[in-house]
Amino acid sequence: MNFHVARDGVIIGEFNEQDFRDKVFRGEVRREDFYWTEGMTEWQTVAHYRQGARTQVIRREPPPKKS
């Protein structure tokens, strides 16, 4: 799945999900930029994506117990 990113009404890139997340983390893709990916009905701000990412629950297995 590719993420299309626009700034000031111009497409600035198309990235796979990991590259998109990395660019958001590094600030190369800004909160006020817009993104769209397959399945979305309209473009959303990157700030909206980041809000959704923060609310996801990450489950991890506890570390193995030492004998």
PDB file of N, CA and C in Angstrom:
ATOM      1  N   MET A   1       0.847  -1.162   0.000  1.00  0.00           N
ATOM      2  CA  MET A   1       0.000   0.000   0.000  1.00  0.00           C
ATOM      3  C   MET A   1       0.902   1.237   0.000  1.00  0.00           C
ATOM      4  N   ASN A   2       0.648   2.152  -0.923  1.00  0.00           N
ATOM      5  CA  ASN A   2       1.448   3.370  -1.028  1.00  0.00           C
ATOM      6  C   ASN A   2       0.691   4.575  -0.494  1.00  0.00           C
ATOM      7  N   PHE A   3       1.444   5.487   0.093  1.00  0.00           N
ATOM      8  CA  PHE A   3       0.902   6.732   0.624  1.00  0.00           C
ATOM      9  C   PHE A   3       1.322   7.860  -0.306  1.00  0.00           C
ATOM     10  N   HIS A   4       0.353   8.612  -0.788  1.00  0.00           N
ATOM     11  CA  HIS A   4       0.599   9.773  -1.638  1.00  0.00           C
ATOM     12  C   HIS A   4       0.576  10.992  -0.725  1.00  0.00           C
ATOM     13  N   VAL A   5       1.572  11.868  -0.858  1.00  0.00           N
ATOM     14  CA  VAL A   5       1.686  13.030   0.023  1.00  0.00           C
ATOM     15  C   VAL A   5       1.670  14.297  -0.818  1.00  0.00           C
ATOM     16  N   ALA A   6       0.887  15.276  -0.367  1.00  0.00           N
ATOM     17  CA  ALA A   6       0.782  16.562  -1.065  1.00  0.00           C
ATOM     18  C   ALA A   6       1.077  17.704  -0.097  1.00  0.00           C
ATOM     19  N   ARG A   7       1.722  18.729  -0.643  1.00  0.00           N
ATOM     20  CA  ARG A   7       2.011  19.955   0.111  1.00  0.00           C
ATOM     21  C   ARG A   7       1.657  21.128  -0.788  1.00  0.00           C
ATOM     22  N   ASP A   8       0.878  22.045  -0.259  1.00  0.00           N
ATOM     23  CA  ASP A   8       0.471  23.237  -1.022  1.00  0.00           C
ATOM     24  C   ASP A   8      -0.169  22.866  -2.361  1.00  0.00           C
ATOM     25  N   GLY A   9      -0.954  21.783  -2.363  1.00  0.00           N
ATOM     26  CA  GLY A   9      -1.676  21.387  -3.561  1.00  0.00           C
ATOM     27  C   GLY A   9      -0.863  20.642  -4.599  1.00  0.00           C
ATOM     28  N   VAL A  10       0.385  20.299  -4.265  1.00  0.00           N
ATOM     29  CA  VAL A  10       1.271  19.604  -5.210  1.00  0.00           C
ATOM     30  C   VAL A  10       1.707  18.274  -4.596  1.00  0.00           C
ATOM     31  N   ILE A  11       1.599  17.197  -5.374  1.00  0.00           N
ATOM     32  CA  ILE A  11       2.076  15.889  -4.904  1.00  0.00           C
ATOM     33  C   ILE A  11       3.593  15.961  -4.744  1.00  0.00           C
ATOM     34  N   ILE A  12       4.074  15.635  -3.544  1.00  0.00           N
ATOM     35  CA  ILE A  12       5.525  15.687  -3.300  1.00  0.00           C
ATOM     36  C   ILE A  12       6.155  14.305  -3.225  1.00  0.00           C
ATOM     37  N   GLY A  13       5.318  13.260  -3.233  1.00  0.00           N
ATOM     38  CA  GLY A  13       5.902  11.930  -3.217  1.00  0.00           C
ATOM     39  C   GLY A  13       4.888  10.834  -3.003  1.00  0.00           C
ATOM     40  N   GLU A  14       5.351   9.627  -3.275  1.00  0.00           N
ATOM     41  CA  GLU A  14       4.579   8.406  -3.050  1.00  0.00           C
ATOM     42  C   GLU A  14       5.513   7.447  -2.327  1.00  0.00           C
ATOM     43  N   PHE A  15       5.087   6.943  -1.176  1.00  0.00           N
ATOM     44  CA  PHE A  15       5.961   6.155  -0.318  1.00  0.00           C
ATOM     45  C   PHE A  15       5.241   4.910   0.180  1.00  0.00           C
ATOM     46  N   ASN A  16       6.010   3.845   0.402  1.00  0.00           N
ATOM     47  CA  ASN A  16       5.400   2.699   1.070  1.00  0.00           C
ATOM     48  C   ASN A  16       5.165   3.095   2.531  1.00  0.00           C
ATOM     49  N   GLU A  17       4.414   2.287   3.262  1.00  0.00           N
ATOM     50  CA  GLU A  17       4.005   2.688   4.615  1.00  0.00           C
ATOM     51  C   GLU A  17       5.188   2.948   5.540  1.00  0.00           C
ATOM     52  N   GLN A  18       6.198   2.092   5.505  1.00  0.00           N
ATOM     53  CA  GLN A  18       7.339   2.291   6.403  1.00  0.00           C
ATOM     54  C   GLN A  18       8.089   3.574   6.071  1.00  0.00           C
ATOM     55  N   ASP A  19       8.319   3.832   4.789  1.00  0.00           N
ATOM     56  CA  ASP A  19       8.995   5.075   4.396  1.00  0.00           C
ATOM     57  C   ASP A  19       8.169   6.293   4.796  1.00  0.00           C
ATOM     58  N   PHE A  20       6.844   6.202   4.624  1.00  0.00           N
ATOM     59  CA  PHE A  20       5.959   7.298   5.030  1.00  0.00           C
ATOM     60  C   PHE A  20       6.110   7.566   6.520  1.00  0.00           C
ATOM     61  N   ARG A  21       6.048   6.526   7.334  1.00  0.00           N
ATOM     62  CA  ARG A  21       6.187   6.693   8.788  1.00  0.00           C
ATOM     63  C   ARG A  21       7.552   7.278   9.147  1.00  0.00           C
ATOM     64  N   ASP A  22       8.599   6.782   8.497  1.00  0.00           N
ATOM     65  CA  ASP A  22       9.946   7.298   8.767  1.00  0.00           C
ATOM     66  C   ASP A  22      10.038   8.781   8.431  1.00  0.00           C
ATOM     67  N   LYS A  23       9.474   9.182   7.307  1.00  0.00           N
ATOM     68  CA  LYS A  23       9.524  10.585   6.896  1.00  0.00           C
ATOM     69  C   LYS A  23       8.704  11.467   7.839  1.00  0.00           C
ATOM     70  N   VAL A  24       7.592  10.959   8.322  1.00  0.00           N
ATOM     71  CA  VAL A  24       6.800  11.695   9.315  1.00  0.00           C
ATOM     72  C   VAL A  24       7.626  11.852  10.588  1.00  0.00           C
ATOM     73  N   PHE A  25       8.240  10.775  11.042  1.00  0.00           N
ATOM     74  CA  PHE A  25       9.039  10.801  12.271  1.00  0.00           C
ATOM     75  C   PHE A  25      10.188  11.798  12.165  1.00  0.00           C
ATOM     76  N   ARG A  26      10.846  11.838  10.997  1.00  0.00           N
ATOM     77  CA  ARG A  26      11.986  12.744  10.804  1.00  0.00           C
ATOM     78  C   ARG A  26      11.555  14.175  10.477  1.00  0.00           C
ATOM     79  N   GLY A  27      10.266  14.386  10.264  1.00  0.00           N
ATOM     80  CA  GLY A  27       9.776  15.729   9.959  1.00  0.00           C
ATOM     81  C   GLY A  27       9.882  16.110   8.495  1.00  0.00           C
ATOM     82  N   GLU A  28      10.260  15.170   7.641  1.00  0.00           N
ATOM     83  CA  GLU A  28      10.338  15.447   6.202  1.00  0.00           C
ATOM     84  C   GLU A  28       8.940  15.578   5.607  1.00  0.00           C
ATOM     85  N   VAL A  29       8.001  14.843   6.161  1.00  0.00           N
ATOM     86  CA  VAL A  29       6.585  15.011   5.844  1.00  0.00           C
ATOM     87  C   VAL A  29       5.994  15.725   7.052  1.00  0.00           C
ATOM     88  N   ARG A  30       5.377  16.864   6.812  1.00  0.00           N
ATOM     89  CA  ARG A  30       4.913  17.745   7.888  1.00  0.00           C
ATOM     90  C   ARG A  30       3.480  17.438   8.313  1.00  0.00           C
ATOM     91  N   ARG A  31       3.149  17.838   9.532  1.00  0.00           N
ATOM     92  CA  ARG A  31       1.801  17.638  10.084  1.00  0.00           C
ATOM     93  C   ARG A  31       0.728  18.281   9.216  1.00  0.00           C
ATOM     94  N   GLU A  32       1.058  19.412   8.588  1.00  0.00           N
ATOM     95  CA  GLU A  32       0.063  20.129   7.783  1.00  0.00           C
ATOM     96  C   GLU A  32      -0.019  19.616   6.341  1.00  0.00           C
ATOM     97  N   ASP A  33       0.873  18.692   5.958  1.00  0.00           N
ATOM     98  CA  ASP A  33       0.786  18.063   4.641  1.00  0.00           C
ATOM     99  C   ASP A  33      -0.444  17.155   4.608  1.00  0.00           C
ATOM    100  N   PHE A  34      -0.861  16.803   3.403  1.00  0.00           N
ATOM    101  CA  PHE A  34      -1.993  15.896   3.230  1.00  0.00           C
ATOM    102  C   PHE A  34      -1.496  14.565   2.691  1.00  0.00           C
ATOM    103  N   TYR A  35      -2.206  13.493   3.050  1.00  0.00           N
ATOM    104  CA  TYR A  35      -1.868  12.170   2.520  1.00  0.00           C
ATOM    105  C   TYR A  35      -3.141  11.450   2.099  1.00  0.00           C
ATOM    106  N   TRP A  36      -2.968  10.511   1.192  1.00  0.00           N
ATOM    107  CA  TRP A  36      -4.056   9.650   0.741  1.00  0.00           C
ATOM    108  C   TRP A  36      -3.469   8.286   0.445  1.00  0.00           C
ATOM    109  N   THR A  37      -4.232   7.247   0.775  1.00  0.00           N
ATOM    110  CA  THR A  37      -3.848   5.889   0.442  1.00  0.00           C
ATOM    111  C   THR A  37      -5.098   5.104   0.060  1.00  0.00           C
ATOM    112  N   GLU A  38      -4.906   3.994  -0.593  1.00  0.00           N
ATOM    113  CA  GLU A  38      -6.024   3.179  -1.069  1.00  0.00           C
ATOM    114  C   GLU A  38      -7.017   2.901   0.060  1.00  0.00           C
ATOM    115  N   GLY A  39      -8.292   3.049  -0.257  1.00  0.00           N
ATOM    116  CA  GLY A  39      -9.334   2.795   0.726  1.00  0.00           C
ATOM    117  C   GLY A  39      -9.856   4.052   1.406  1.00  0.00           C
ATOM    118  N   MET A  40      -9.113   5.162   1.295  1.00  0.00           N
ATOM    119  CA  MET A  40      -9.560   6.423   1.886  1.00  0.00           C
ATOM    120  C   MET A  40     -10.510   7.115   0.913  1.00  0.00           C
ATOM    121  N   THR A  41     -11.521   7.782   1.446  1.00  0.00           N
ATOM    122  CA  THR A  41     -12.470   8.488   0.586  1.00  0.00           C
ATOM    123  C   THR A  41     -12.018   9.907   0.282  1.00  0.00           C
ATOM    124  N   GLU A  42     -11.117  10.450   1.101  1.00  0.00           N
ATOM    125  CA  GLU A  42     -10.611  11.806   0.863  1.00  0.00           C
ATOM    126  C   GLU A  42      -9.232  11.969   1.497  1.00  0.00           C
ATOM    127  N   TRP A  43      -8.523  12.991   1.082  1.00  0.00           N
ATOM    128  CA  TRP A  43      -7.212  13.309   1.637  1.00  0.00           C
ATOM    129  C   TRP A  43      -7.375  13.750   3.093  1.00  0.00           C
ATOM    130  N   GLN A  44      -6.405  13.397   3.922  1.00  0.00           N
ATOM    131  CA  GLN A  44      -6.388  13.793   5.332  1.00  0.00           C
ATOM    132  C   GLN A  44      -5.053  14.452   5.640  1.00  0.00           C
ATOM    133  N   THR A  45      -5.036  15.286   6.675  1.00  0.00           N
ATOM    134  CA  THR A  45      -3.756  15.858   7.083  1.00  0.00           C
ATOM    135  C   THR A  45      -2.920  14.779   7.761  1.00  0.00           C
ATOM    136  N   VAL A  46      -1.623  14.932   7.672  1.00  0.00           N
ATOM    137  CA  VAL A  46      -0.714  13.999   8.329  1.00  0.00           C
ATOM    138  C   VAL A  46      -0.945  14.039   9.836  1.00  0.00           C
ATOM    139  N   ALA A  47      -1.309  15.194  10.375  1.00  0.00           N
ATOM    140  CA  ALA A  47      -1.615  15.295  11.806  1.00  0.00           C
ATOM    141  C   ALA A  47      -2.715  14.302  12.174  1.00  0.00           C
ATOM    142  N   HIS A  48      -3.686  14.124  11.299  1.00  0.00           N
ATOM    143  CA  HIS A  48      -4.769  13.168  11.537  1.00  0.00           C
ATOM    144  C   HIS A  48      -4.210  11.744  11.585  1.00  0.00           C
ATOM    145  N   TYR A  49      -3.295  11.409  10.710  1.00  0.00           N
ATOM    146  CA  TYR A  49      -2.664  10.080  10.702  1.00  0.00           C
ATOM    147  C   TYR A  49      -1.921   9.848  12.010  1.00  0.00           C
ATOM    148  N   ARG A  50      -1.167  10.831  12.436  1.00  0.00           N
ATOM    149  CA  ARG A  50      -0.377  10.682  13.656  1.00  0.00           C
ATOM    150  C   ARG A  50      -1.270  10.503  14.870  1.00  0.00           C
ATOM    151  N   GLN A  51      -2.415  11.177  14.921  1.00  0.00           N
ATOM    152  CA  GLN A  51      -3.342  11.007  16.037  1.00  0.00           C
ATOM    153  C   GLN A  51      -3.835   9.572  16.083  1.00  0.00           C
ATOM    154  N   GLY A  52      -4.175   9.028  14.931  1.00  0.00           N
ATOM    155  CA  GLY A  52      -4.635   7.649  14.878  1.00  0.00           C
ATOM    156  C   GLY A  52      -3.548   6.673  15.287  1.00  0.00           C
ATOM    157  N   ALA A  53      -2.324   6.964  14.897  1.00  0.00           N
ATOM    158  CA  ALA A  53      -1.203   6.077  15.225  1.00  0.00           C
ATOM    159  C   ALA A  53      -0.961   6.042  16.727  1.00  0.00           C
ATOM    160  N   ARG A  54      -1.158   7.170  17.417  1.00  0.00           N
ATOM    161  CA  ARG A  54      -0.926   7.228  18.856  1.00  0.00           C
ATOM    162  C   ARG A  54      -1.965   6.449  19.644  1.00  0.00           C
ATOM    163  N   THR A  55      -3.135   6.239  19.086  1.00  0.00           N
ATOM    164  CA  THR A  55      -4.192   5.568  19.831  1.00  0.00           C
ATOM    165  C   THR A  55      -4.197   4.064  19.614  1.00  0.00           C
ATOM    166  N   GLN A  56      -3.312   3.568  18.766  1.00  0.00           N
ATOM    167  CA  GLN A  56      -3.267   2.134  18.528  1.00  0.00           C
ATOM    168  C   GLN A  56      -2.661   1.432  19.739  1.00  0.00           C
ATOM    169  N   VAL A  57      -3.194   0.272  20.049  1.00  0.00           N
ATOM    170  CA  VAL A  57      -2.682  -0.517  21.160  1.00  0.00           C
ATOM    171  C   VAL A  57      -1.642  -1.479  20.617  1.00  0.00           C
ATOM    172  N   ILE A  58      -0.490  -1.485  21.238  1.00  0.00           N
ATOM    173  CA  ILE A  58       0.578  -2.404  20.840  1.00  0.00           C
ATOM    174  C   ILE A  58       0.689  -3.462  21.922  1.00  0.00           C
ATOM    175  N   ARG A  59       0.527  -4.694  21.519  1.00  0.00           N
ATOM    176  CA  ARG A  59       0.618  -5.791  22.482  1.00  0.00           C
ATOM    177  C   ARG A  59       1.949  -6.493  22.293  1.00  0.00           C
ATOM    178  N   ARG A  60       2.582  -6.720  23.401  1.00  0.00           N
ATOM    179  CA  ARG A  60       3.864  -7.426  23.359  1.00  0.00           C
ATOM    180  C   ARG A  60       3.804  -8.594  24.321  1.00  0.00           C
ATOM    181  N   GLU A  61       4.477  -9.630  23.937  1.00  0.00           N
ATOM    182  CA  GLU A  61       4.582 -10.779  24.820  1.00  0.00           C
ATOM    183  C   GLU A  61       5.532 -10.419  25.957  1.00  0.00           C
ATOM    184  N   PRO A  62       5.242 -10.876  27.162  1.00  0.00           N
ATOM    185  CA  PRO A  62       6.192 -10.620  28.255  1.00  0.00           C
ATOM    186  C   PRO A  62       7.488 -11.382  27.995  1.00  0.00           C
ATOM    187  N   PRO A  63       8.600 -10.890  28.524  1.00  0.00           N
ATOM    188  CA  PRO A  63       9.864 -11.606  28.312  1.00  0.00           C
ATOM    189  C   PRO A  63       9.806 -12.979  28.977  1.00  0.00           C
ATOM    190  N   PRO A  64      10.554 -13.935  28.437  1.00  0.00           N
ATOM    191  CA  PRO A  64      10.542 -15.271  29.050  1.00  0.00           C
ATOM    192  C   PRO A  64      11.125 -15.218  30.460  1.00  0.00           C
ATOM    193  N   LYS A  65      10.569 -16.040  31.331  1.00  0.00           N
ATOM    194  CA  LYS A  65      11.060 -16.097  32.713  1.00  0.00           C
ATOM    195  C   LYS A  65      12.340 -16.910  32.749  1.00  0.00           C
ATOM    196  N   LYS A  66      13.275 -16.418  33.546  1.00  0.00           N
ATOM    197  CA  LYS A  66      14.536 -17.149  33.703  1.00  0.00           C
ATOM    198  C   LYS A  66      14.328 -18.282  34.689  1.00  0.00           C
ATOM    199  N   SER A  67      14.941 -19.416  34.397  1.00  0.00           N
ATOM    200  CA  SER A  67      14.792 -20.584  35.271  1.00  0.00           C
ATOM    201  C   SER A  67      15.725 -20.522  36.434  1.00  0.00           C
TER     202      SER A  67
END
